[in-house]
Amino acid sequence: MFGILLINKPLGMTSHDVVNQMRRRFSTKRVGHAGTLDPMASGLLVVAIGSATRFLQYLPLEPKEYIAKIRFGVETSTYDLEGQPSDPKPLPENLGAEIETHLAAFRGLIQQFPPMYSAVKVNGQPLYRLARQGQTIEREARTVHITEFSILDLEGDVATARIICSGGTYVRSLAHDLGQAMGCGAHLVGLKRTRVGRFTEEMAIPMSEIGPQHVIVLADALPPMQLMELTDIEVAAIRQGKQLSLPVPTERSIVGLLDPRGNVFSVARVMGDMLQPECVIPAEVPDAVA
């Protein structure tokens, strides 16, 4: 059995905890997720089962949408509730207006430094491991795109924000950097992921209810990627790694390939009128849920 699960991750669990539970529930070691959620975050986690792990890179996984709660006046070492807090700083007289003044600088293409308490590796070492040793090292900035960063509500010193962003964005860093720009500090106190590409929180299944009936076949998960159905002879050629010369009804650079039974078995790159297989499910893998 292989395919995609949309899981509503509860608070307190790591993404790896979810993967381990799915390994036991589906009796397979081949389980992976598309984008980590910290233990203090809840919401949509996209998980692949079995051979579908090979196709995670092709799923429509951007943009990502979050509902974040940000507390102003205090920074923490981890940029969220789990870190050591700093001494409180006075808040601006009109906190809401001050937030709005600075939000524009955090929209569009921005440069962002990953937190020291993150899984990003420098010289083979995860940053969080160095941070736990009391080290702070220079990190390389990454470019991320923030489509929306808006305030939905403000109660006291806590703002609720909607953030729509590219993959690889650290919402913790957004909260921290906004607080620094305002001069009062800030940290993340709550986070829910509500959308990953075309997959939404409403489509997600609670952890306790997940079962085989919730597996989404690749033919349903890959679109809007163009899908092409091949003959058995063409399927065999692709599985041997051969290029195929076929008229391709799309201007896109990659297509999903279906066998005659409608199951996705490959993703191929379009090279003029040639298809070059990039990712292939071997013939011996059962295709009941493909």
C-alpha atoms as a PDB file:
ATOM      1  CA  MET A   1       0.000   0.000   0.000  1.00  0.00           C
ATOM      2  CA  PHE A   2       1.294   3.429  -0.870  1.00  0.00           C
ATOM      3  CA  GLY A   3      -0.087   6.931  -1.217  1.00  0.00           C
ATOM      4  CA  ILE A   4      -0.515  10.215   0.642  1.00  0.00           C
ATOM      5  CA  LEU A   5      -2.068  10.978   4.029  1.00  0.00           C
ATOM      6  CA  LEU A   6      -3.253  14.377   5.212  1.00  0.00           C
ATOM      7  CA  ILE A   7      -2.900  14.292   8.997  1.00  0.00           C
ATOM      8  CA  ASN A   8      -4.058  16.812  11.576  1.00  0.00           C
ATOM      9  CA  LYS A   9      -1.039  16.740  13.887  1.00  0.00           C
ATOM     10  CA  PRO A  10      -1.877  17.421  17.538  1.00  0.00           C
ATOM     11  CA  LEU A  11       0.143  19.590  19.895  1.00  0.00           C
ATOM     12  CA  GLY A  12       3.022  17.952  21.719  1.00  0.00           C
ATOM     13  CA  MET A  13       4.047  15.506  19.003  1.00  0.00           C
ATOM     14  CA  THR A  14       7.063  15.867  16.759  1.00  0.00           C
ATOM     15  CA  SER A  15       6.684  15.200  13.053  1.00  0.00           C
ATOM     16  CA  HIS A  16       8.934  12.181  13.592  1.00  0.00           C
ATOM     17  CA  ASP A  17       6.502  10.880  16.253  1.00  0.00           C
ATOM     18  CA  VAL A  18       3.775  10.983  13.602  1.00  0.00           C
ATOM     19  CA  VAL A  19       5.985   9.133  11.116  1.00  0.00           C
ATOM     20  CA  ASN A  20       6.738   6.417  13.707  1.00  0.00           C
ATOM     21  CA  GLN A  21       3.046   5.936  14.460  1.00  0.00           C
ATOM     22  CA  MET A  22       2.252   5.612  10.757  1.00  0.00           C
ATOM     23  CA  ARG A  23       5.064   3.075  10.357  1.00  0.00           C
ATOM     24  CA  ARG A  24       3.444   0.894  13.013  1.00  0.00           C
ATOM     25  CA  ARG A  25      -0.096   1.468  11.774  1.00  0.00           C
ATOM     26  CA  PHE A  26       0.713   0.644   8.127  1.00  0.00           C
ATOM     27  CA  SER A  27       3.407  -1.969   8.877  1.00  0.00           C
ATOM     28  CA  THR A  28       6.075  -0.294   6.737  1.00  0.00           C
ATOM     29  CA  LYS A  29       9.337   1.517   7.410  1.00  0.00           C
ATOM     30  CA  ARG A  30       8.873   3.662   4.311  1.00  0.00           C
ATOM     31  CA  VAL A  31       7.068   6.684   5.680  1.00  0.00           C
ATOM     32  CA  GLY A  32       8.075  10.324   5.211  1.00  0.00           C
ATOM     33  CA  HIS A  33       6.619  13.778   5.695  1.00  0.00           C
ATOM     34  CA  ALA A  34       6.703  16.970   3.646  1.00  0.00           C
ATOM     35  CA  GLY A  35       7.713  19.777   5.980  1.00  0.00           C
ATOM     36  CA  THR A  36       8.343  19.594   9.715  1.00  0.00           C
ATOM     37  CA  LEU A  37       5.930  20.895  12.328  1.00  0.00           C
ATOM     38  CA  ASP A  38       7.446  21.618  15.744  1.00  0.00           C
ATOM     39  CA  PRO A  39       5.896  19.935  18.812  1.00  0.00           C
ATOM     40  CA  MET A  40       4.247  23.224  19.838  1.00  0.00           C
ATOM     41  CA  ALA A  41       2.608  23.480  16.393  1.00  0.00           C
ATOM     42  CA  SER A  42      -0.532  21.704  15.235  1.00  0.00           C
ATOM     43  CA  GLY A  43      -2.332  21.327  11.945  1.00  0.00           C
ATOM     44  CA  LEU A  44      -1.781  19.871   8.511  1.00  0.00           C
ATOM     45  CA  LEU A  45       1.085  17.423   8.009  1.00  0.00           C
ATOM     46  CA  VAL A  46       1.453  15.776   4.584  1.00  0.00           C
ATOM     47  CA  VAL A  47       2.742  12.207   4.954  1.00  0.00           C
ATOM     48  CA  ALA A  48       3.724   9.671   2.292  1.00  0.00           C
ATOM     49  CA  ILE A  49       3.377   5.905   2.759  1.00  0.00           C
ATOM     50  CA  GLY A  50       5.485   3.284   0.999  1.00  0.00           C
ATOM     51  CA  SER A  51       6.794   4.043  -2.483  1.00  0.00           C
ATOM     52  CA  ALA A  52       4.911   7.353  -2.474  1.00  0.00           C
ATOM     53  CA  THR A  53       7.818   8.771  -0.440  1.00  0.00           C
ATOM     54  CA  ARG A  54       9.681   9.012  -3.760  1.00  0.00           C
ATOM     55  CA  PHE A  55       7.044  11.432  -5.043  1.00  0.00           C
ATOM     56  CA  LEU A  56       6.967  13.939  -2.169  1.00  0.00           C
ATOM     57  CA  GLN A  57       9.216  16.284  -4.144  1.00  0.00           C
ATOM     58  CA  TYR A  58       6.603  16.456  -6.909  1.00  0.00           C
ATOM     59  CA  LEU A  59       3.522  17.198  -4.812  1.00  0.00           C
ATOM     60  CA  PRO A  60       1.968  20.694  -4.932  1.00  0.00           C
ATOM     61  CA  LEU A  61       3.268  21.778  -1.496  1.00  0.00           C
ATOM     62  CA  GLU A  62       3.402  25.580  -1.780  1.00  0.00           C
ATOM     63  CA  PRO A  63       2.424  28.057  -0.589  1.00  0.00           C
ATOM     64  CA  LYS A  64       2.001  27.193   3.087  1.00  0.00           C
ATOM     65  CA  GLU A  65      -0.457  28.958   5.345  1.00  0.00           C
ATOM     66  CA  TYR A  66      -0.261  29.365   9.116  1.00  0.00           C
ATOM     67  CA  ILE A  67      -2.245  30.952  11.922  1.00  0.00           C
ATOM     68  CA  ALA A  68       0.323  32.211  14.426  1.00  0.00           C
ATOM     69  CA  LYS A  69       0.058  33.719  17.885  1.00  0.00           C
ATOM     70  CA  ILE A  70       2.843  36.180  18.679  1.00  0.00           C
ATOM     71  CA  ARG A  71       3.526  37.661  22.122  1.00  0.00           C
ATOM     72  CA  PHE A  72       5.284  41.023  22.177  1.00  0.00           C
ATOM     73  CA  GLY A  73       7.549  42.380  24.903  1.00  0.00           C
ATOM     74  CA  VAL A  74       9.673  39.267  25.508  1.00  0.00           C
ATOM     75  CA  GLU A  75      12.193  37.377  23.372  1.00  0.00           C
ATOM     76  CA  THR A  76      13.248  33.762  23.933  1.00  0.00           C
ATOM     77  CA  SER A  77      16.350  31.791  22.970  1.00  0.00           C
ATOM     78  CA  THR A  78      14.348  29.503  20.679  1.00  0.00           C
ATOM     79  CA  TYR A  79      12.027  32.254  19.375  1.00  0.00           C
ATOM     80  CA  ASP A  80       9.071  30.333  20.854  1.00  0.00           C
ATOM     81  CA  LEU A  81       7.609  29.167  24.185  1.00  0.00           C
ATOM     82  CA  GLU A  82      10.223  26.461  24.705  1.00  0.00           C
ATOM     83  CA  GLY A  83      13.168  28.835  25.054  1.00  0.00           C
ATOM     84  CA  GLN A  84      14.714  30.850  27.874  1.00  0.00           C
ATOM     85  CA  PRO A  85      12.897  34.195  28.082  1.00  0.00           C
ATOM     86  CA  SER A  86      14.662  37.547  28.124  1.00  0.00           C
ATOM     87  CA  ASP A  87      13.825  40.364  30.501  1.00  0.00           C
ATOM     88  CA  PRO A  88      10.543  42.020  29.514  1.00  0.00           C
ATOM     89  CA  LYS A  89      10.702  45.210  27.480  1.00  0.00           C
ATOM     90  CA  PRO A  90       8.108  47.991  27.450  1.00  0.00           C
ATOM     91  CA  LEU A  91       5.493  47.779  24.720  1.00  0.00           C
ATOM     92  CA  PRO A  92       4.780  50.630  22.295  1.00  0.00           C
ATOM     93  CA  GLU A  93       1.963  52.908  23.425  1.00  0.00           C
ATOM     94  CA  ASN A  94      -0.173  51.831  20.464  1.00  0.00           C
ATOM     95  CA  LEU A  95       0.928  48.246  19.874  1.00  0.00           C
ATOM     96  CA  GLY A  96      -1.469  47.549  16.999  1.00  0.00           C
ATOM     97  CA  ALA A  97      -0.426  50.600  15.009  1.00  0.00           C
ATOM     98  CA  GLU A  98       3.263  49.853  15.617  1.00  0.00           C
ATOM     99  CA  ILE A  99       2.865  46.287  14.365  1.00  0.00           C
ATOM    100  CA  GLU A 100       1.127  47.468  11.192  1.00  0.00           C
ATOM    101  CA  THR A 101       3.892  50.003  10.577  1.00  0.00           C
ATOM    102  CA  HIS A 102       6.539  47.268  10.488  1.00  0.00           C
ATOM    103  CA  LEU A 103       4.650  44.449   8.752  1.00  0.00           C
ATOM    104  CA  ALA A 104       5.299  45.768   5.224  1.00  0.00           C
ATOM    105  CA  ALA A 105       9.004  45.024   5.638  1.00  0.00           C
ATOM    106  CA  PHE A 106       8.165  41.359   6.166  1.00  0.00           C
ATOM    107  CA  ARG A 107       6.178  40.814   2.975  1.00  0.00           C
ATOM    108  CA  GLY A 108       7.433  39.816  -0.456  1.00  0.00           C
ATOM    109  CA  LEU A 109      10.937  38.429  -0.904  1.00  0.00           C
ATOM    110  CA  ILE A 110      12.872  38.754   2.344  1.00  0.00           C
ATOM    111  CA  GLN A 111      16.117  37.459   3.791  1.00  0.00           C
ATOM    112  CA  GLN A 112      15.739  35.238   6.845  1.00  0.00           C
ATOM    113  CA  PHE A 113      18.287  33.623   9.141  1.00  0.00           C
ATOM    114  CA  PRO A 114      17.328  30.200  10.535  1.00  0.00           C
ATOM    115  CA  PRO A 115      17.104  30.076  14.351  1.00  0.00           C
ATOM    116  CA  MET A 116      20.003  28.561  16.265  1.00  0.00           C
ATOM    117  CA  TYR A 117      17.485  26.076  17.629  1.00  0.00           C
ATOM    118  CA  SER A 118      16.707  24.469  14.259  1.00  0.00           C
ATOM    119  CA  ALA A 119      17.636  21.333  12.324  1.00  0.00           C
ATOM    120  CA  VAL A 120      19.622  23.286   9.702  1.00  0.00           C
ATOM    121  CA  LYS A 121      23.114  21.810   9.464  1.00  0.00           C
ATOM    122  CA  VAL A 122      26.360  23.788   9.399  1.00  0.00           C
ATOM    123  CA  ASN A 123      29.499  21.734   8.709  1.00  0.00           C
ATOM    124  CA  GLY A 124      27.456  18.594   9.274  1.00  0.00           C
ATOM    125  CA  GLN A 125      26.190  19.663  12.714  1.00  0.00           C
ATOM    126  CA  PRO A 126      22.537  20.556  13.389  1.00  0.00           C
ATOM    127  CA  LEU A 127      22.285  24.090  14.732  1.00  0.00           C
ATOM    128  CA  TYR A 128      20.188  23.008  17.711  1.00  0.00           C
ATOM    129  CA  ARG A 129      22.995  20.728  18.889  1.00  0.00           C
ATOM    130  CA  LEU A 130      25.455  23.611  18.836  1.00  0.00           C
ATOM    131  CA  ALA A 131      22.922  25.875  20.560  1.00  0.00           C
ATOM    132  CA  ARG A 132      22.527  23.361  23.398  1.00  0.00           C
ATOM    133  CA  GLN A 133      26.299  23.568  23.876  1.00  0.00           C
ATOM    134  CA  GLY A 134      25.960  27.316  24.352  1.00  0.00           C
ATOM    135  CA  GLN A 135      27.320  28.175  20.902  1.00  0.00           C
ATOM    136  CA  THR A 136      25.964  30.843  18.587  1.00  0.00           C
ATOM    137  CA  ILE A 137      27.454  30.767  15.114  1.00  0.00           C
ATOM    138  CA  GLU A 138      27.015  32.767  11.953  1.00  0.00           C
ATOM    139  CA  ARG A 139      24.203  31.420   9.785  1.00  0.00           C
ATOM    140  CA  GLU A 140      23.675  31.898   6.082  1.00  0.00           C
ATOM    141  CA  ALA A 141      20.584  33.912   5.180  1.00  0.00           C
ATOM    142  CA  ARG A 142      17.985  32.298   2.945  1.00  0.00           C
ATOM    143  CA  THR A 143      15.493  33.983   0.665  1.00  0.00           C
ATOM    144  CA  VAL A 144      11.839  33.259   1.405  1.00  0.00           C
ATOM    145  CA  HIS A 145       8.645  34.719  -0.004  1.00  0.00           C
ATOM    146  CA  ILE A 146       5.915  36.032   2.286  1.00  0.00           C
ATOM    147  CA  THR A 147       2.671  36.442   0.344  1.00  0.00           C
ATOM    148  CA  GLU A 148       0.645  37.536   3.365  1.00  0.00           C
ATOM    149  CA  PHE A 149       1.509  38.604   6.903  1.00  0.00           C
ATOM    150  CA  SER A 150      -1.582  40.166   8.422  1.00  0.00           C
ATOM    151  CA  ILE A 151      -2.982  40.656  11.912  1.00  0.00           C
ATOM    152  CA  LEU A 152      -6.360  39.017  12.519  1.00  0.00           C
ATOM    153  CA  ASP A 153      -6.709  39.940  16.190  1.00  0.00           C
ATOM    154  CA  LEU A 154      -4.859  41.643  19.026  1.00  0.00           C
ATOM    155  CA  GLU A 155      -5.579  40.875  22.681  1.00  0.00           C
ATOM    156  CA  GLY A 156      -3.268  42.572  25.148  1.00  0.00           C
ATOM    157  CA  ASP A 157       0.281  41.726  24.122  1.00  0.00           C
ATOM    158  CA  VAL A 158      -0.667  38.740  21.898  1.00  0.00           C
ATOM    159  CA  ALA A 159      -1.423  39.133  18.195  1.00  0.00           C
ATOM    160  CA  THR A 160      -3.039  36.468  16.010  1.00  0.00           C
ATOM    161  CA  ALA A 161      -1.608  36.571  12.492  1.00  0.00           C
ATOM    162  CA  ARG A 162      -2.221  34.849   9.172  1.00  0.00           C
ATOM    163  CA  ILE A 163       0.962  34.026   7.282  1.00  0.00           C
ATOM    164  CA  ILE A 164       1.113  32.659   3.730  1.00  0.00           C
ATOM    165  CA  CYS A 165       4.671  31.863   2.707  1.00  0.00           C
ATOM    166  CA  SER A 166       7.032  29.742   0.661  1.00  0.00           C
ATOM    167  CA  GLY A 167       8.457  26.481   1.919  1.00  0.00           C
ATOM    168  CA  GLY A 168      11.463  26.778   4.211  1.00  0.00           C
ATOM    169  CA  THR A 169      10.095  29.832   6.032  1.00  0.00           C
ATOM    170  CA  TYR A 170      10.599  29.865   9.791  1.00  0.00           C
ATOM    171  CA  VAL A 171       7.508  31.453  11.349  1.00  0.00           C
ATOM    172  CA  ARG A 172       9.426  31.611  14.645  1.00  0.00           C
ATOM    173  CA  SER A 173      12.001  33.812  12.952  1.00  0.00           C
ATOM    174  CA  LEU A 174       9.285  36.054  11.527  1.00  0.00           C
ATOM    175  CA  ALA A 175       7.928  36.617  15.040  1.00  0.00           C
ATOM    176  CA  HIS A 176      11.390  37.227  16.489  1.00  0.00           C
ATOM    177  CA  ASP A 177      12.524  39.541  13.702  1.00  0.00           C
ATOM    178  CA  LEU A 178       9.299  41.565  13.850  1.00  0.00           C
ATOM    179  CA  GLY A 179       9.780  42.053  17.582  1.00  0.00           C
ATOM    180  CA  GLN A 180      13.360  43.165  17.067  1.00  0.00           C
ATOM    181  CA  ALA A 181      12.337  45.630  14.358  1.00  0.00           C
ATOM    182  CA  MET A 182       9.803  47.108  16.779  1.00  0.00           C
ATOM    183  CA  GLY A 183      12.351  47.308  19.583  1.00  0.00           C
ATOM    184  CA  CYS A 184      10.227  45.425  22.115  1.00  0.00           C
ATOM    185  CA  GLY A 185      10.998  41.823  21.235  1.00  0.00           C
ATOM    186  CA  ALA A 186       8.524  39.043  20.455  1.00  0.00           C
ATOM    187  CA  HIS A 187       8.213  35.280  20.356  1.00  0.00           C
ATOM    188  CA  LEU A 188       5.845  32.660  18.986  1.00  0.00           C
ATOM    189  CA  VAL A 189       3.325  31.248  21.482  1.00  0.00           C
ATOM    190  CA  GLY A 190       1.089  29.257  19.143  1.00  0.00           C
ATOM    191  CA  LEU A 191       1.120  27.936  15.577  1.00  0.00           C
ATOM    192  CA  LYS A 192      -1.298  26.011  13.359  1.00  0.00           C
ATOM    193  CA  ARG A 193      -0.616  25.055   9.743  1.00  0.00           C
ATOM    194  CA  THR A 194      -3.845  25.400   7.807  1.00  0.00           C
ATOM    195  CA  ARG A 195      -2.730  24.837   4.206  1.00  0.00           C
ATOM    196  CA  VAL A 196       0.032  23.139   2.210  1.00  0.00           C
ATOM    197  CA  GLY A 197      -0.357  23.908  -1.488  1.00  0.00           C
ATOM    198  CA  ARG A 198      -3.862  22.811  -2.469  1.00  0.00           C
ATOM    199  CA  PHE A 199      -4.219  20.623   0.628  1.00  0.00           C
ATOM    200  CA  THR A 200      -6.139  22.273   3.462  1.00  0.00           C
ATOM    201  CA  GLU A 201      -6.708  21.710   7.168  1.00  0.00           C
ATOM    202  CA  GLU A 202     -10.317  20.737   6.418  1.00  0.00           C
ATOM    203  CA  MET A 203      -9.021  17.760   4.403  1.00  0.00           C
ATOM    204  CA  ALA A 204      -6.832  16.505   7.267  1.00  0.00           C
ATOM    205  CA  ILE A 205      -7.775  13.490   9.419  1.00  0.00           C
ATOM    206  CA  PRO A 206      -7.127  13.348  13.191  1.00  0.00           C
ATOM    207  CA  MET A 207      -4.253  11.053  14.176  1.00  0.00           C
ATOM    208  CA  SER A 208      -6.529   8.714  16.128  1.00  0.00           C
ATOM    209  CA  GLU A 209      -8.745   8.038  13.097  1.00  0.00           C
ATOM    210  CA  ILE A 210      -6.160   7.513  10.341  1.00  0.00           C
ATOM    211  CA  GLY A 211      -6.554   4.244   8.460  1.00  0.00           C
ATOM    212  CA  PRO A 212      -6.075   2.692   4.996  1.00  0.00           C
ATOM    213  CA  GLN A 213      -9.330   4.284   3.826  1.00  0.00           C
ATOM    214  CA  HIS A 214      -7.710   7.715   4.151  1.00  0.00           C
ATOM    215  CA  VAL A 215      -4.801   7.022   1.778  1.00  0.00           C
ATOM    216  CA  ILE A 216      -4.948   9.348  -1.241  1.00  0.00           C
ATOM    217  CA  VAL A 217      -3.751   7.691  -4.450  1.00  0.00           C
ATOM    218  CA  LEU A 218      -0.981   9.458  -6.344  1.00  0.00           C
ATOM    219  CA  ALA A 219      -3.247  10.056  -9.328  1.00  0.00           C
ATOM    220  CA  ASP A 220      -5.348  12.282  -7.051  1.00  0.00           C
ATOM    221  CA  ALA A 221      -2.443  13.793  -5.089  1.00  0.00           C
ATOM    222  CA  LEU A 222      -0.137  14.904  -7.925  1.00  0.00           C
ATOM    223  CA  PRO A 223      -2.462  17.236  -9.907  1.00  0.00           C
ATOM    224  CA  PRO A 224      -2.314  19.970 -11.070  1.00  0.00           C
ATOM    225  CA  MET A 225       0.603  18.042 -12.597  1.00  0.00           C
ATOM    226  CA  GLN A 226      -0.397  16.780 -16.058  1.00  0.00           C
ATOM    227  CA  LEU A 227      -1.021  13.001 -16.116  1.00  0.00           C
ATOM    228  CA  MET A 228      -0.534  10.765 -19.181  1.00  0.00           C
ATOM    229  CA  GLU A 229      -1.730   7.172 -19.596  1.00  0.00           C
ATOM    230  CA  LEU A 230       0.687   4.771 -21.319  1.00  0.00           C
ATOM    231  CA  THR A 231       0.351   1.316 -22.799  1.00  0.00           C
ATOM    232  CA  ASP A 232       1.809  -1.770 -21.101  1.00  0.00           C
ATOM    233  CA  ILE A 233       4.693  -1.776 -23.601  1.00  0.00           C
ATOM    234  CA  GLU A 234       5.451   1.906 -22.872  1.00  0.00           C
ATOM    235  CA  VAL A 235       5.201   1.259 -19.128  1.00  0.00           C
ATOM    236  CA  ALA A 236       7.778  -1.531 -19.416  1.00  0.00           C
ATOM    237  CA  ALA A 237      10.138   0.755 -21.347  1.00  0.00           C
ATOM    238  CA  ILE A 238       9.878   3.531 -18.750  1.00  0.00           C
ATOM    239  CA  ARG A 239      10.496   1.016 -15.951  1.00  0.00           C
ATOM    240  CA  GLN A 240      13.701   0.049 -17.749  1.00  0.00           C
ATOM    241  CA  GLY A 241      14.775   3.704 -17.648  1.00  0.00           C
ATOM    242  CA  LYS A 242      14.339   4.219 -21.383  1.00  0.00           C
ATOM    243  CA  GLN A 243      13.316   7.492 -22.999  1.00  0.00           C
ATOM    244  CA  LEU A 244      10.078   7.507 -24.950  1.00  0.00           C
ATOM    245  CA  SER A 245       9.257   9.605 -27.986  1.00  0.00           C
ATOM    246  CA  LEU A 246       5.625  10.634 -27.532  1.00  0.00           C
ATOM    247  CA  PRO A 247       3.486  13.687 -28.230  1.00  0.00           C
ATOM    248  CA  VAL A 248       3.176  15.398 -24.843  1.00  0.00           C
ATOM    249  CA  PRO A 249      -0.030  17.462 -24.409  1.00  0.00           C
ATOM    250  CA  THR A 250       1.511  20.003 -22.054  1.00  0.00           C
ATOM    251  CA  GLU A 251       4.095  22.757 -21.922  1.00  0.00           C
ATOM    252  CA  ARG A 252       5.113  21.765 -18.392  1.00  0.00           C
ATOM    253  CA  SER A 253       8.549  20.338 -17.685  1.00  0.00           C
ATOM    254  CA  ILE A 254       7.363  17.207 -15.877  1.00  0.00           C
ATOM    255  CA  VAL A 255       4.378  14.850 -16.205  1.00  0.00           C
ATOM    256  CA  GLY A 256       2.970  11.990 -14.171  1.00  0.00           C
ATOM    257  CA  LEU A 257       2.706   8.672 -16.003  1.00  0.00           C
ATOM    258  CA  LEU A 258      -0.190   6.236 -15.556  1.00  0.00           C
ATOM    259  CA  ASP A 259      -0.325   2.550 -16.404  1.00  0.00           C
ATOM    260  CA  PRO A 260      -3.394   1.258 -18.313  1.00  0.00           C
ATOM    261  CA  ARG A 261      -5.199   0.696 -14.992  1.00  0.00           C
ATOM    262  CA  GLY A 262      -4.896   4.398 -14.099  1.00  0.00           C
ATOM    263  CA  ASN A 263      -2.176   4.016 -11.455  1.00  0.00           C
ATOM    264  CA  VAL A 264       0.727   6.460 -11.280  1.00  0.00           C
ATOM    265  CA  PHE A 265       3.996   4.563 -11.647  1.00  0.00           C
ATOM    266  CA  SER A 266       6.426   7.306 -12.706  1.00  0.00           C
ATOM    267  CA  VAL A 267       7.167  10.988 -13.064  1.00  0.00           C
ATOM    268  CA  ALA A 268       9.068  11.919 -16.220  1.00  0.00           C
ATOM    269  CA  ARG A 269      10.797  15.035 -17.472  1.00  0.00           C
ATOM    270  CA  VAL A 270       9.603  16.470 -20.783  1.00  0.00           C
ATOM    271  CA  MET A 271      12.517  17.007 -23.178  1.00  0.00           C
ATOM    272  CA  GLY A 272      10.991  18.244 -26.429  1.00  0.00           C
ATOM    273  CA  ASP A 273       8.993  15.255 -27.690  1.00  0.00           C
ATOM    274  CA  MET A 274      10.866  12.867 -25.381  1.00  0.00           C
ATOM    275  CA  LEU A 275       9.941  11.616 -21.916  1.00  0.00           C
ATOM    276  CA  GLN A 276      12.862  10.904 -19.567  1.00  0.00           C
ATOM    277  CA  PRO A 277      11.805   8.979 -16.441  1.00  0.00           C
ATOM    278  CA  GLU A 278      12.993  10.592 -13.193  1.00  0.00           C
ATOM    279  CA  CYS A 279      11.113   8.594 -10.576  1.00  0.00           C
ATOM    280  CA  VAL A 280       9.748   5.082 -11.135  1.00  0.00           C
ATOM    281  CA  ILE A 281       7.855   2.603  -8.967  1.00  0.00           C
ATOM    282  CA  PRO A 282       9.193  -0.919  -9.640  1.00  0.00           C
ATOM    283  CA  ALA A 283       6.809  -3.439 -11.198  1.00  0.00           C
ATOM    284  CA  GLU A 284       6.898  -5.693  -8.123  1.00  0.00           C
ATOM    285  CA  VAL A 285       5.283  -3.024  -5.918  1.00  0.00           C
ATOM    286  CA  PRO A 286       1.533  -3.761  -5.513  1.00  0.00           C
ATOM    287  CA  ASP A 287      -0.574  -1.123  -7.212  1.00  0.00           C
ATOM    288  CA  ALA A 288      -3.833  -1.510  -5.268  1.00  0.00           C
ATOM    289  CA  VAL A 289      -3.300   1.949  -3.799  1.00  0.00           C
ATOM    290  CA  ALA A 290      -0.957   3.675  -6.242  1.00  0.00           C
END
